[in-house]
Amino acid sequence: MAGQGTPATALLAKRKIAHSTHPYDVSPDAPNYGALVAAALGVPPERVFKSLVTEVDGELTVAVVPVTGELDLKALAAAVGGKRAALADRAVAERASGYLRGGISPLGQRRRLPTVVDASASTHPTVYVSAGRRGLQVQLAPGDLVALTGARTAPIAAG
């Protein structure tokens, strides 16, 4: 399974974006999943980002935040000019993104959703995000992540 591509890795290859994939083995139900993924990869946890599908004023939006913190829903809403934000229902998130929970990538989604990447990403030479499957991360430059997703950056992480 590790050799199979995903829509995210296919997009990176098609656009000739420098990246590398990194398999890991962590149970998706493990407490503190993000920190365990970072440890399995041998990288600082502030460089590993999770993708959360949210609803801002009823519109689906992807938030990309470090696994070391939580998403600040008020900051996310403000970043996209909305009033209220909440996490999207799991089934809605999976249907819109085309990925399963624990493997939702901000790249190569079924529908290109508005995306906000936490501003802290730009402080790292590269970041890690889901490659579109549980057990696989992709490493790429934060500028490439922002460009490929059409994201805006804003301070949306709390903690």
C-alpha atoms as a PDB file:
ATOM      1  CA  MET A   1       0.000   0.000   0.000  1.00  0.00           C
ATOM      2  CA  ALA A   2       2.907   2.353   0.684  1.00  0.00           C
ATOM      3  CA  GLY A   3       3.730   2.525  -3.029  1.00  0.00           C
ATOM      4  CA  GLN A   4       0.238   3.567  -4.107  1.00  0.00           C
ATOM      5  CA  GLY A   5      -0.296   7.201  -4.931  1.00  0.00           C
ATOM      6  CA  THR A   6      -3.115   9.415  -3.724  1.00  0.00           C
ATOM      7  CA  PRO A   7      -4.799  12.415  -5.340  1.00  0.00           C
ATOM      8  CA  ALA A   8      -2.496  14.585  -3.189  1.00  0.00           C
ATOM      9  CA  THR A   9       0.728  12.935  -4.350  1.00  0.00           C
ATOM     10  CA  ALA A  10      -0.545  12.829  -7.942  1.00  0.00           C
ATOM     11  CA  LEU A  11      -1.145  16.604  -7.814  1.00  0.00           C
ATOM     12  CA  LEU A  12       2.368  17.216  -6.480  1.00  0.00           C
ATOM     13  CA  ALA A  13       3.900  15.041  -9.203  1.00  0.00           C
ATOM     14  CA  LYS A  14       1.804  16.631 -11.960  1.00  0.00           C
ATOM     15  CA  ARG A  15       2.812  20.148 -10.885  1.00  0.00           C
ATOM     16  CA  LYS A  16       6.459  19.034 -10.417  1.00  0.00           C
ATOM     17  CA  ILE A  17       6.499  20.290  -6.815  1.00  0.00           C
ATOM     18  CA  ALA A  18       9.471  19.195  -4.710  1.00  0.00           C
ATOM     19  CA  HIS A  19       8.168  16.865  -1.994  1.00  0.00           C
ATOM     20  CA  SER A  20       8.851  13.607  -0.213  1.00  0.00           C
ATOM     21  CA  THR A  21       6.494  11.045   1.277  1.00  0.00           C
ATOM     22  CA  HIS A  22       6.922   9.554   4.716  1.00  0.00           C
ATOM     23  CA  PRO A  23       5.049   6.443   5.852  1.00  0.00           C
ATOM     24  CA  TYR A  24       4.381   5.913   9.561  1.00  0.00           C
ATOM     25  CA  ASP A  25       2.533   3.434  11.734  1.00  0.00           C
ATOM     26  CA  VAL A  26       0.357   5.038  14.414  1.00  0.00           C
ATOM     27  CA  SER A  27      -3.145   3.936  15.354  1.00  0.00           C
ATOM     28  CA  PRO A  28      -5.642   6.621  14.250  1.00  0.00           C
ATOM     29  CA  ASP A  29      -7.441   6.134  17.576  1.00  0.00           C
ATOM     30  CA  ALA A  30      -4.336   6.774  19.693  1.00  0.00           C
ATOM     31  CA  PRO A  31      -4.548   9.691  22.122  1.00  0.00           C
ATOM     32  CA  ASN A  32      -2.302  12.593  21.079  1.00  0.00           C
ATOM     33  CA  TYR A  33      -2.185  11.195  17.530  1.00  0.00           C
ATOM     34  CA  GLY A  34      -0.378  14.179  16.002  1.00  0.00           C
ATOM     35  CA  ALA A  35       2.478  14.091  18.495  1.00  0.00           C
ATOM     36  CA  LEU A  36       2.848  10.348  17.921  1.00  0.00           C
ATOM     37  CA  VAL A  37       2.998  10.890  14.155  1.00  0.00           C
ATOM     38  CA  ALA A  38       5.715  13.532  14.614  1.00  0.00           C
ATOM     39  CA  ALA A  39       7.666  11.167  16.874  1.00  0.00           C
ATOM     40  CA  ALA A  40       7.299   8.311  14.361  1.00  0.00           C
ATOM     41  CA  LEU A  41       8.638  10.608  11.633  1.00  0.00           C
ATOM     42  CA  GLY A  42      11.420  11.926  13.865  1.00  0.00           C
ATOM     43  CA  VAL A  43      10.472  15.581  13.306  1.00  0.00           C
ATOM     44  CA  PRO A  44       9.476  18.390  15.678  1.00  0.00           C
ATOM     45  CA  PRO A  45       5.690  18.301  16.180  1.00  0.00           C
ATOM     46  CA  GLU A  46       5.318  21.995  15.301  1.00  0.00           C
ATOM     47  CA  ARG A  47       6.242  21.051  11.686  1.00  0.00           C
ATOM     48  CA  VAL A  48       3.439  18.476  11.389  1.00  0.00           C
ATOM     49  CA  PHE A  49       0.083  19.960  10.403  1.00  0.00           C
ATOM     50  CA  LYS A  50      -3.426  18.522  10.540  1.00  0.00           C
ATOM     51  CA  SER A  51      -6.194  19.342   8.089  1.00  0.00           C
ATOM     52  CA  LEU A  52      -9.606  20.015   9.588  1.00  0.00           C
ATOM     53  CA  VAL A  53     -12.729  20.462   7.507  1.00  0.00           C
ATOM     54  CA  THR A  54     -14.912  23.116   9.099  1.00  0.00           C
ATOM     55  CA  GLU A  55     -18.046  25.084   8.347  1.00  0.00           C
ATOM     56  CA  VAL A  56     -17.802  28.860   8.430  1.00  0.00           C
ATOM     57  CA  ASP A  57     -21.231  30.457   8.170  1.00  0.00           C
ATOM     58  CA  GLY A  58     -22.436  27.255   6.501  1.00  0.00           C
ATOM     59  CA  GLU A  59     -19.605  27.108   3.926  1.00  0.00           C
ATOM     60  CA  LEU A  60     -17.029  24.306   4.083  1.00  0.00           C
ATOM     61  CA  THR A  61     -13.498  25.551   4.757  1.00  0.00           C
ATOM     62  CA  VAL A  62     -10.263  23.667   5.401  1.00  0.00           C
ATOM     63  CA  ALA A  63      -8.080  24.737   8.335  1.00  0.00           C
ATOM     64  CA  VAL A  64      -4.456  23.553   8.402  1.00  0.00           C
ATOM     65  CA  VAL A  65      -2.961  23.865  11.880  1.00  0.00           C
ATOM     66  CA  PRO A  66       0.009  22.383  13.750  1.00  0.00           C
ATOM     67  CA  VAL A  67      -0.687  19.154  15.620  1.00  0.00           C
ATOM     68  CA  THR A  68       0.781  20.856  18.709  1.00  0.00           C
ATOM     69  CA  GLY A  69      -2.297  23.030  19.167  1.00  0.00           C
ATOM     70  CA  GLU A  70      -5.986  23.344  18.568  1.00  0.00           C
ATOM     71  CA  LEU A  71      -7.892  25.276  15.955  1.00  0.00           C
ATOM     72  CA  ASP A  72      -9.122  28.682  17.121  1.00  0.00           C
ATOM     73  CA  LEU A  73     -12.584  28.691  15.531  1.00  0.00           C
ATOM     74  CA  LYS A  74     -13.121  32.428  16.081  1.00  0.00           C
ATOM     75  CA  ALA A  75      -9.784  33.239  14.424  1.00  0.00           C
ATOM     76  CA  LEU A  76     -10.662  30.975  11.491  1.00  0.00           C
ATOM     77  CA  ALA A  77     -14.033  32.665  11.015  1.00  0.00           C
ATOM     78  CA  ALA A  78     -12.370  36.087  11.116  1.00  0.00           C
ATOM     79  CA  ALA A  79      -9.686  34.966   8.622  1.00  0.00           C
ATOM     80  CA  VAL A  80     -12.314  34.197   5.988  1.00  0.00           C
ATOM     81  CA  GLY A  81     -14.621  37.104   6.815  1.00  0.00           C
ATOM     82  CA  GLY A  82     -17.195  34.947   8.594  1.00  0.00           C
ATOM     83  CA  LYS A  83     -18.927  35.109  11.937  1.00  0.00           C
ATOM     84  CA  ARG A  84     -19.206  31.514  13.165  1.00  0.00           C
ATOM     85  CA  ALA A  85     -17.090  28.438  12.627  1.00  0.00           C
ATOM     86  CA  ALA A  86     -17.499  24.840  13.738  1.00  0.00           C
ATOM     87  CA  LEU A  87     -15.950  21.525  12.823  1.00  0.00           C
ATOM     88  CA  ALA A  88     -17.819  19.860   9.969  1.00  0.00           C
ATOM     89  CA  ASP A  89     -19.572  16.555  10.480  1.00  0.00           C
ATOM     90  CA  ARG A  90     -17.217  13.652   9.763  1.00  0.00           C
ATOM     91  CA  ALA A  91     -19.345  12.287   6.884  1.00  0.00           C
ATOM     92  CA  VAL A  92     -19.597  15.754   5.321  1.00  0.00           C
ATOM     93  CA  ALA A  93     -15.820  16.244   5.628  1.00  0.00           C
ATOM     94  CA  GLU A  94     -15.093  12.860   4.055  1.00  0.00           C
ATOM     95  CA  ARG A  95     -17.578  13.376   1.211  1.00  0.00           C
ATOM     96  CA  ALA A  96     -16.330  16.888   0.353  1.00  0.00           C
ATOM     97  CA  SER A  97     -12.616  16.071   0.572  1.00  0.00           C
ATOM     98  CA  GLY A  98     -12.689  12.570  -0.892  1.00  0.00           C
ATOM     99  CA  TYR A  99     -10.508  11.363   1.982  1.00  0.00           C
ATOM    100  CA  LEU A 100     -11.160   9.397   5.178  1.00  0.00           C
ATOM    101  CA  ARG A 101     -10.764  10.895   8.673  1.00  0.00           C
ATOM    102  CA  GLY A 102      -7.146  10.575   9.744  1.00  0.00           C
ATOM    103  CA  GLY A 103      -6.049  10.890   6.132  1.00  0.00           C
ATOM    104  CA  ILE A 104      -7.635  14.157   4.991  1.00  0.00           C
ATOM    105  CA  SER A 105      -5.079  16.073   2.972  1.00  0.00           C
ATOM    106  CA  PRO A 106      -5.379  19.754   2.085  1.00  0.00           C
ATOM    107  CA  LEU A 107      -4.077  18.743  -1.372  1.00  0.00           C
ATOM    108  CA  GLY A 108      -5.970  17.021  -4.163  1.00  0.00           C
ATOM    109  CA  GLN A 109      -9.389  17.196  -2.561  1.00  0.00           C
ATOM    110  CA  ARG A 110     -12.489  16.145  -4.473  1.00  0.00           C
ATOM    111  CA  ARG A 111     -13.800  19.724  -4.257  1.00  0.00           C
ATOM    112  CA  ARG A 112     -11.325  22.561  -3.854  1.00  0.00           C
ATOM    113  CA  LEU A 113     -12.450  24.172  -0.637  1.00  0.00           C
ATOM    114  CA  PRO A 114     -11.356  27.551   0.723  1.00  0.00           C
ATOM    115  CA  THR A 115      -8.271  26.860   2.827  1.00  0.00           C
ATOM    116  CA  VAL A 116      -6.516  28.708   5.640  1.00  0.00           C
ATOM    117  CA  VAL A 117      -3.019  27.642   6.685  1.00  0.00           C
ATOM    118  CA  ASP A 118      -1.819  28.716  10.120  1.00  0.00           C
ATOM    119  CA  ALA A 119       0.763  31.480   9.823  1.00  0.00           C
ATOM    120  CA  SER A 120       3.308  29.439  11.809  1.00  0.00           C
ATOM    121  CA  ALA A 121       3.847  27.223   8.736  1.00  0.00           C
ATOM    122  CA  SER A 122       5.896  29.981   7.105  1.00  0.00           C
ATOM    123  CA  THR A 123       8.471  29.810   9.912  1.00  0.00           C
ATOM    124  CA  HIS A 124       9.626  26.345   8.747  1.00  0.00           C
ATOM    125  CA  PRO A 125      11.594  25.410   5.620  1.00  0.00           C
ATOM    126  CA  THR A 126       9.226  22.467   5.083  1.00  0.00           C
ATOM    127  CA  VAL A 127       6.066  21.165   6.735  1.00  0.00           C
ATOM    128  CA  TYR A 128       4.327  17.802   6.841  1.00  0.00           C
ATOM    129  CA  VAL A 129       0.660  17.275   5.961  1.00  0.00           C
ATOM    130  CA  SER A 130      -1.369  14.181   5.269  1.00  0.00           C
ATOM    131  CA  ALA A 131      -0.639  12.718   1.861  1.00  0.00           C
ATOM    132  CA  GLY A 132      -4.269  11.580   1.604  1.00  0.00           C
ATOM    133  CA  ARG A 133      -4.107   8.284   3.404  1.00  0.00           C
ATOM    134  CA  ARG A 134      -3.723   7.237   7.030  1.00  0.00           C
ATOM    135  CA  GLY A 135      -0.108   6.312   7.620  1.00  0.00           C
ATOM    136  CA  LEU A 136       1.386   8.609   4.969  1.00  0.00           C
ATOM    137  CA  GLN A 137       2.597  12.193   5.285  1.00  0.00           C
ATOM    138  CA  VAL A 138       4.022  14.445   2.589  1.00  0.00           C
ATOM    139  CA  GLN A 139       6.785  16.969   3.238  1.00  0.00           C
ATOM    140  CA  LEU A 140       6.823  20.159   1.174  1.00  0.00           C
ATOM    141  CA  ALA A 141       7.628  23.843   1.373  1.00  0.00           C
ATOM    142  CA  PRO A 142       4.887  25.893   3.068  1.00  0.00           C
ATOM    143  CA  GLY A 143       4.803  28.280   0.104  1.00  0.00           C
ATOM    144  CA  ASP A 144       4.012  25.366  -2.212  1.00  0.00           C
ATOM    145  CA  LEU A 145       1.251  24.196   0.137  1.00  0.00           C
ATOM    146  CA  VAL A 146      -0.301  27.670   0.122  1.00  0.00           C
ATOM    147  CA  ALA A 147       0.026  28.033  -3.664  1.00  0.00           C
ATOM    148  CA  LEU A 148      -1.422  24.610  -4.492  1.00  0.00           C
ATOM    149  CA  THR A 149      -4.432  25.026  -2.203  1.00  0.00           C
ATOM    150  CA  GLY A 150      -5.025  28.701  -2.993  1.00  0.00           C
ATOM    151  CA  ALA A 151      -4.873  29.227   0.759  1.00  0.00           C
ATOM    152  CA  ARG A 152      -4.581  32.347   2.772  1.00  0.00           C
ATOM    153  CA  THR A 153      -2.393  32.358   5.882  1.00  0.00           C
ATOM    154  CA  ALA A 154      -3.550  33.612   9.252  1.00  0.00           C
ATOM    155  CA  PRO A 155      -2.887  32.901  12.933  1.00  0.00           C
ATOM    156  CA  ILE A 156      -5.653  30.304  13.453  1.00  0.00           C
ATOM    157  CA  ALA A 157      -3.988  27.951  15.963  1.00  0.00           C
ATOM    158  CA  ALA A 158      -4.602  28.173  19.707  1.00  0.00           C
ATOM    159  CA  GLY A 159      -2.251  26.682  22.279  1.00  0.00           C
END
